[in-house]
Amino acid sequence: MKILFKLITISLLAVIGYLIYTTHSKMIALTGAIGLFAGIFYMQSFIFVLNDKIKSYKRQVEKIDISDSENSSKVEVLEQKIVVLEKALKNALENNNN
């Protein structure tokens, strides 16, 4: 993404340079330079917003993963408790029958 951005900037500067060379007009150069920098600043703000959205999405996915792992560990603990209770119940029933 950064390489593409640099290539676009270089090509726009080349176009501005070509226009200055062919027309010898300072107004075209000024307009082109202002347009170039306005585009750069606009794209930077757009990129910052996208980066913030990506970071918040990553945090949300991490929270979901953590809660899923917590839930699975809770389920495993409960299953182990059930096994222990079943064994205790069987032992108690065997002791009552004897």
N, C-alpha and C. Protein backbone atom coordinates (compact mmCIF):
# COMPACT_ATOMS: atom_id res chain seq x y z
N MET A 1 0.84 -1.19 0.00
CA MET A 1 0.00 0.00 0.00
C MET A 1 0.87 1.25 0.00
N LYS A 2 1.93 1.24 0.81
CA LYS A 2 2.79 2.41 0.88
C LYS A 2 3.56 2.59 -0.42
N ILE A 3 3.96 1.48 -1.05
CA ILE A 3 4.70 1.57 -2.30
C ILE A 3 3.81 2.15 -3.39
N LEU A 4 2.56 1.71 -3.44
CA LEU A 4 1.61 2.24 -4.42
C LEU A 4 1.40 3.73 -4.20
N PHE A 5 1.28 4.12 -2.95
CA PHE A 5 1.08 5.53 -2.62
C PHE A 5 2.28 6.36 -3.08
N LYS A 6 3.49 5.83 -2.87
CA LYS A 6 4.70 6.54 -3.29
C LYS A 6 4.78 6.64 -4.81
N LEU A 7 4.41 5.56 -5.50
CA LEU A 7 4.44 5.58 -6.96
C LEU A 7 3.45 6.59 -7.53
N ILE A 8 2.27 6.66 -6.93
CA ILE A 8 1.27 7.64 -7.39
C ILE A 8 1.78 9.05 -7.15
N THR A 9 2.38 9.29 -6.00
CA THR A 9 2.91 10.62 -5.69
C THR A 9 4.01 11.01 -6.67
N ILE A 10 4.91 10.08 -6.95
CA ILE A 10 6.00 10.37 -7.89
C ILE A 10 5.46 10.65 -9.29
N SER A 11 4.46 9.86 -9.70
CA SER A 11 3.90 10.09 -11.04
C SER A 11 3.17 11.42 -11.12
N LEU A 12 2.48 11.80 -10.06
CA LEU A 12 1.81 13.11 -10.06
C LEU A 12 2.82 14.24 -10.08
N LEU A 13 3.91 14.10 -9.35
CA LEU A 13 4.96 15.11 -9.40
C LEU A 13 5.57 15.19 -10.79
N ALA A 14 5.71 14.05 -11.45
CA ALA A 14 6.24 14.05 -12.82
C ALA A 14 5.29 14.77 -13.77
N VAL A 15 4.00 14.55 -13.60
CA VAL A 15 3.01 15.23 -14.45
C VAL A 15 3.06 16.74 -14.21
N ILE A 16 3.15 17.13 -12.95
CA ILE A 16 3.23 18.56 -12.64
C ILE A 16 4.51 19.15 -13.25
N GLY A 17 5.60 18.43 -13.11
CA GLY A 17 6.85 18.91 -13.71
C GLY A 17 6.75 19.05 -15.21
N TYR A 18 6.09 18.08 -15.85
CA TYR A 18 5.91 18.14 -17.31
C TYR A 18 5.06 19.33 -17.70
N LEU A 19 3.99 19.57 -16.95
CA LEU A 19 3.14 20.72 -17.25
C LEU A 19 3.89 22.04 -17.08
N ILE A 20 4.72 22.13 -16.07
CA ILE A 20 5.51 23.35 -15.86
C ILE A 20 6.49 23.53 -17.02
N TYR A 21 7.11 22.44 -17.42
CA TYR A 21 8.11 22.51 -18.49
C TYR A 21 7.48 22.91 -19.83
N THR A 22 6.30 22.36 -20.13
CA THR A 22 5.69 22.62 -21.43
C THR A 22 4.97 23.96 -21.49
N THR A 23 4.35 24.39 -20.40
CA THR A 23 3.56 25.62 -20.45
C THR A 23 4.28 26.82 -19.86
N HIS A 24 5.30 26.60 -19.07
CA HIS A 24 6.04 27.67 -18.40
C HIS A 24 5.10 28.55 -17.57
N SER A 25 4.08 27.92 -16.96
CA SER A 25 3.11 28.67 -16.17
C SER A 25 3.27 28.32 -14.70
N LYS A 26 3.46 29.36 -13.91
CA LYS A 26 3.59 29.15 -12.47
C LYS A 26 2.25 28.82 -11.84
N MET A 27 1.17 29.30 -12.43
CA MET A 27 -0.16 29.05 -11.88
C MET A 27 -0.51 27.56 -11.98
N ILE A 28 -0.15 26.91 -13.08
CA ILE A 28 -0.41 25.48 -13.22
C ILE A 28 0.41 24.71 -12.19
N ALA A 29 1.65 25.13 -12.00
CA ALA A 29 2.50 24.46 -11.02
C ALA A 29 1.94 24.60 -9.62
N LEU A 30 1.49 25.79 -9.30
CA LEU A 30 0.93 26.03 -7.97
C LEU A 30 -0.35 25.23 -7.77
N THR A 31 -1.22 25.24 -8.77
CA THR A 31 -2.47 24.48 -8.69
C THR A 31 -2.20 22.99 -8.57
N GLY A 32 -1.27 22.50 -9.37
CA GLY A 32 -0.93 21.08 -9.30
C GLY A 32 -0.34 20.69 -7.96
N ALA A 33 0.56 21.51 -7.42
CA ALA A 33 1.17 21.21 -6.13
C ALA A 33 0.13 21.24 -5.01
N ILE A 34 -0.75 22.22 -5.04
CA ILE A 34 -1.81 22.30 -4.02
C ILE A 34 -2.73 21.09 -4.12
N GLY A 35 -3.09 20.72 -5.34
CA GLY A 35 -3.94 19.54 -5.54
C GLY A 35 -3.26 18.27 -5.06
N LEU A 36 -1.97 18.16 -5.33
CA LEU A 36 -1.22 16.99 -4.89
C LEU A 36 -1.20 16.88 -3.37
N PHE A 37 -0.88 17.98 -2.71
CA PHE A 37 -0.82 17.94 -1.25
C PHE A 37 -2.20 17.77 -0.62
N ALA A 38 -3.22 18.37 -1.24
CA ALA A 38 -4.59 18.17 -0.73
C ALA A 38 -4.98 16.70 -0.85
N GLY A 39 -4.62 16.07 -1.97
CA GLY A 39 -4.92 14.65 -2.13
C GLY A 39 -4.17 13.79 -1.13
N ILE A 40 -2.92 14.14 -0.89
CA ILE A 40 -2.12 13.39 0.09
C ILE A 40 -2.74 13.49 1.48
N PHE A 41 -3.11 14.69 1.89
CA PHE A 41 -3.70 14.86 3.22
C PHE A 41 -5.06 14.18 3.33
N TYR A 42 -5.84 14.23 2.25
CA TYR A 42 -7.14 13.57 2.26
C TYR A 42 -6.96 12.06 2.40
N MET A 43 -6.05 11.49 1.65
CA MET A 43 -5.83 10.05 1.71
C MET A 43 -5.25 9.65 3.06
N GLN A 44 -4.40 10.47 3.64
CA GLN A 44 -3.85 10.15 4.96
C GLN A 44 -4.96 10.07 6.00
N SER A 45 -5.89 11.01 5.97
CA SER A 45 -7.00 10.97 6.94
C SER A 45 -7.85 9.72 6.71
N PHE A 46 -8.06 9.36 5.45
CA PHE A 46 -8.83 8.16 5.13
C PHE A 46 -8.11 6.92 5.64
N ILE A 47 -6.79 6.87 5.46
CA ILE A 47 -6.00 5.73 5.91
C ILE A 47 -6.00 5.64 7.43
N PHE A 48 -5.94 6.77 8.13
CA PHE A 48 -5.98 6.76 9.59
C PHE A 48 -7.30 6.19 10.10
N VAL A 49 -8.40 6.58 9.46
CA VAL A 49 -9.71 6.07 9.86
C VAL A 49 -9.78 4.57 9.64
N LEU A 50 -9.27 4.10 8.50
CA LEU A 50 -9.28 2.67 8.23
C LEU A 50 -8.41 1.90 9.22
N ASN A 51 -7.26 2.45 9.56
CA ASN A 51 -6.39 1.80 10.54
C ASN A 51 -7.06 1.69 11.91
N ASP A 52 -7.78 2.74 12.31
CA ASP A 52 -8.50 2.69 13.58
C ASP A 52 -9.58 1.62 13.56
N LYS A 53 -10.30 1.52 12.43
CA LYS A 53 -11.34 0.50 12.32
C LYS A 53 -10.73 -0.90 12.36
N ILE A 54 -9.61 -1.08 11.70
CA ILE A 54 -8.95 -2.39 11.70
C ILE A 54 -8.49 -2.76 13.10
N LYS A 55 -7.92 -1.80 13.82
CA LYS A 55 -7.46 -2.07 15.19
C LYS A 55 -8.62 -2.45 16.10
N SER A 56 -9.74 -1.72 15.98
CA SER A 56 -10.89 -2.03 16.83
C SER A 56 -11.47 -3.40 16.46
N TYR A 57 -11.46 -3.76 15.18
CA TYR A 57 -11.94 -5.07 14.76
C TYR A 57 -11.04 -6.17 15.31
N LYS A 58 -9.72 -5.95 15.28
CA LYS A 58 -8.79 -6.94 15.83
C LYS A 58 -9.02 -7.13 17.32
N ARG A 59 -9.24 -6.02 18.04
CA ARG A 59 -9.50 -6.13 19.49
C ARG A 59 -10.78 -6.90 19.74
N GLN A 60 -11.80 -6.65 18.92
CA GLN A 60 -13.07 -7.34 19.09
C GLN A 60 -12.91 -8.84 18.84
N VAL A 61 -12.15 -9.20 17.82
CA VAL A 61 -11.92 -10.61 17.52
C VAL A 61 -11.13 -11.26 18.65
N GLU A 62 -10.14 -10.56 19.21
CA GLU A 62 -9.37 -11.11 20.33
C GLU A 62 -10.26 -11.34 21.55
N LYS A 63 -11.17 -10.39 21.81
CA LYS A 63 -12.08 -10.56 22.95
C LYS A 63 -12.98 -11.77 22.75
N ILE A 64 -13.45 -11.97 21.51
CA ILE A 64 -14.31 -13.12 21.23
C ILE A 64 -13.53 -14.41 21.41
N ASP A 65 -12.28 -14.43 20.94
CA ASP A 65 -11.45 -15.63 21.11
C ASP A 65 -11.20 -15.94 22.57
N ILE A 66 -10.93 -14.91 23.36
CA ILE A 66 -10.69 -15.11 24.79
C ILE A 66 -11.94 -15.63 25.47
N SER A 67 -13.10 -15.06 25.16
CA SER A 67 -14.33 -15.53 25.80
C SER A 67 -14.66 -16.95 25.37
N ASP A 68 -14.37 -17.30 24.10
CA ASP A 68 -14.60 -18.68 23.66
C ASP A 68 -13.70 -19.66 24.40
N SER A 69 -12.44 -19.28 24.58
CA SER A 69 -11.53 -20.19 25.30
C SER A 69 -11.93 -20.30 26.76
N GLU A 70 -12.40 -19.19 27.35
CA GLU A 70 -12.86 -19.25 28.74
C GLU A 70 -14.08 -20.15 28.86
N ASN A 71 -15.00 -20.03 27.92
CA ASN A 71 -16.21 -20.87 27.96
C ASN A 71 -15.87 -22.33 27.78
N SER A 72 -14.93 -22.63 26.88
CA SER A 72 -14.57 -24.04 26.67
C SER A 72 -13.87 -24.60 27.91
N SER A 73 -13.05 -23.79 28.58
CA SER A 73 -12.40 -24.29 29.79
C SER A 73 -13.42 -24.48 30.91
N LYS A 74 -14.42 -23.62 30.98
CA LYS A 74 -15.47 -23.79 31.98
C LYS A 74 -16.25 -25.08 31.73
N VAL A 75 -16.52 -25.36 30.46
CA VAL A 75 -17.24 -26.57 30.11
C VAL A 75 -16.42 -27.80 30.50
N GLU A 76 -15.12 -27.77 30.24
CA GLU A 76 -14.26 -28.90 30.59
C GLU A 76 -14.24 -29.13 32.10
N VAL A 77 -14.18 -28.06 32.87
CA VAL A 77 -14.19 -28.19 34.33
C VAL A 77 -15.51 -28.78 34.81
N LEU A 78 -16.61 -28.33 34.22
CA LEU A 78 -17.91 -28.87 34.61
C LEU A 78 -18.04 -30.35 34.23
N GLU A 79 -17.52 -30.73 33.06
CA GLU A 79 -17.56 -32.14 32.67
C GLU A 79 -16.75 -33.00 33.63
N GLN A 80 -15.60 -32.50 34.07
CA GLN A 80 -14.79 -33.25 35.04
C GLN A 80 -15.53 -33.39 36.36
N LYS A 81 -16.21 -32.33 36.78
CA LYS A 81 -16.97 -32.40 38.03
C LYS A 81 -18.10 -33.42 37.91
N ILE A 82 -18.74 -33.48 36.76
CA ILE A 82 -19.82 -34.44 36.55
C ILE A 82 -19.29 -35.87 36.64
N VAL A 83 -18.12 -36.09 36.04
CA VAL A 83 -17.51 -37.44 36.10
C VAL A 83 -17.22 -37.81 37.55
N VAL A 84 -16.67 -36.89 38.30
CA VAL A 84 -16.36 -37.16 39.71
C VAL A 84 -17.64 -37.44 40.50
N LEU A 85 -18.67 -36.65 40.25
CA LEU A 85 -19.93 -36.86 40.97
C LEU A 85 -20.58 -38.18 40.59
N GLU A 86 -20.48 -38.58 39.32
CA GLU A 86 -21.04 -39.87 38.91
C GLU A 86 -20.33 -41.02 39.61
N LYS A 87 -18.99 -40.92 39.70
CA LYS A 87 -18.24 -41.96 40.40
C LYS A 87 -18.61 -42.01 41.87
N ALA A 88 -18.77 -40.85 42.47
CA ALA A 88 -19.15 -40.80 43.89
C ALA A 88 -20.55 -41.39 44.09
N LEU A 89 -21.46 -41.11 43.15
CA LEU A 89 -22.81 -41.66 43.25
C LEU A 89 -22.79 -43.18 43.11
N LYS A 90 -22.00 -43.68 42.16
CA LYS A 90 -21.91 -45.14 41.99
C LYS A 90 -21.33 -45.78 43.25
N ASN A 91 -20.30 -45.18 43.83
CA ASN A 91 -19.71 -45.72 45.05
C ASN A 91 -20.72 -45.69 46.20
N ALA A 92 -21.49 -44.63 46.29
CA ALA A 92 -22.49 -44.52 47.37
C ALA A 92 -23.57 -45.56 47.18
N LEU A 93 -24.00 -45.79 45.92
CA LEU A 93 -25.04 -46.80 45.68
C LEU A 93 -24.52 -48.20 45.96
N GLU A 94 -23.26 -48.46 45.61
CA GLU A 94 -22.68 -49.78 45.89
C GLU A 94 -22.54 -50.02 47.37
N ASN A 95 -22.17 -48.96 48.12
CA ASN A 95 -22.04 -49.10 49.58
C ASN A 95 -23.39 -49.34 50.23
N ASN A 96 -24.47 -48.72 49.68
CA ASN A 96 -25.80 -48.92 50.24
C ASN A 96 -26.33 -50.31 49.95
N ASN A 97 -25.98 -50.85 48.79
CA ASN A 97 -26.44 -52.20 48.42
C ASN A 97 -25.72 -53.26 49.22
N ASN A 98 -24.52 -53.03 49.66
CA ASN A 98 -23.76 -54.04 50.43
C ASN A 98 -24.14 -53.96 51.85
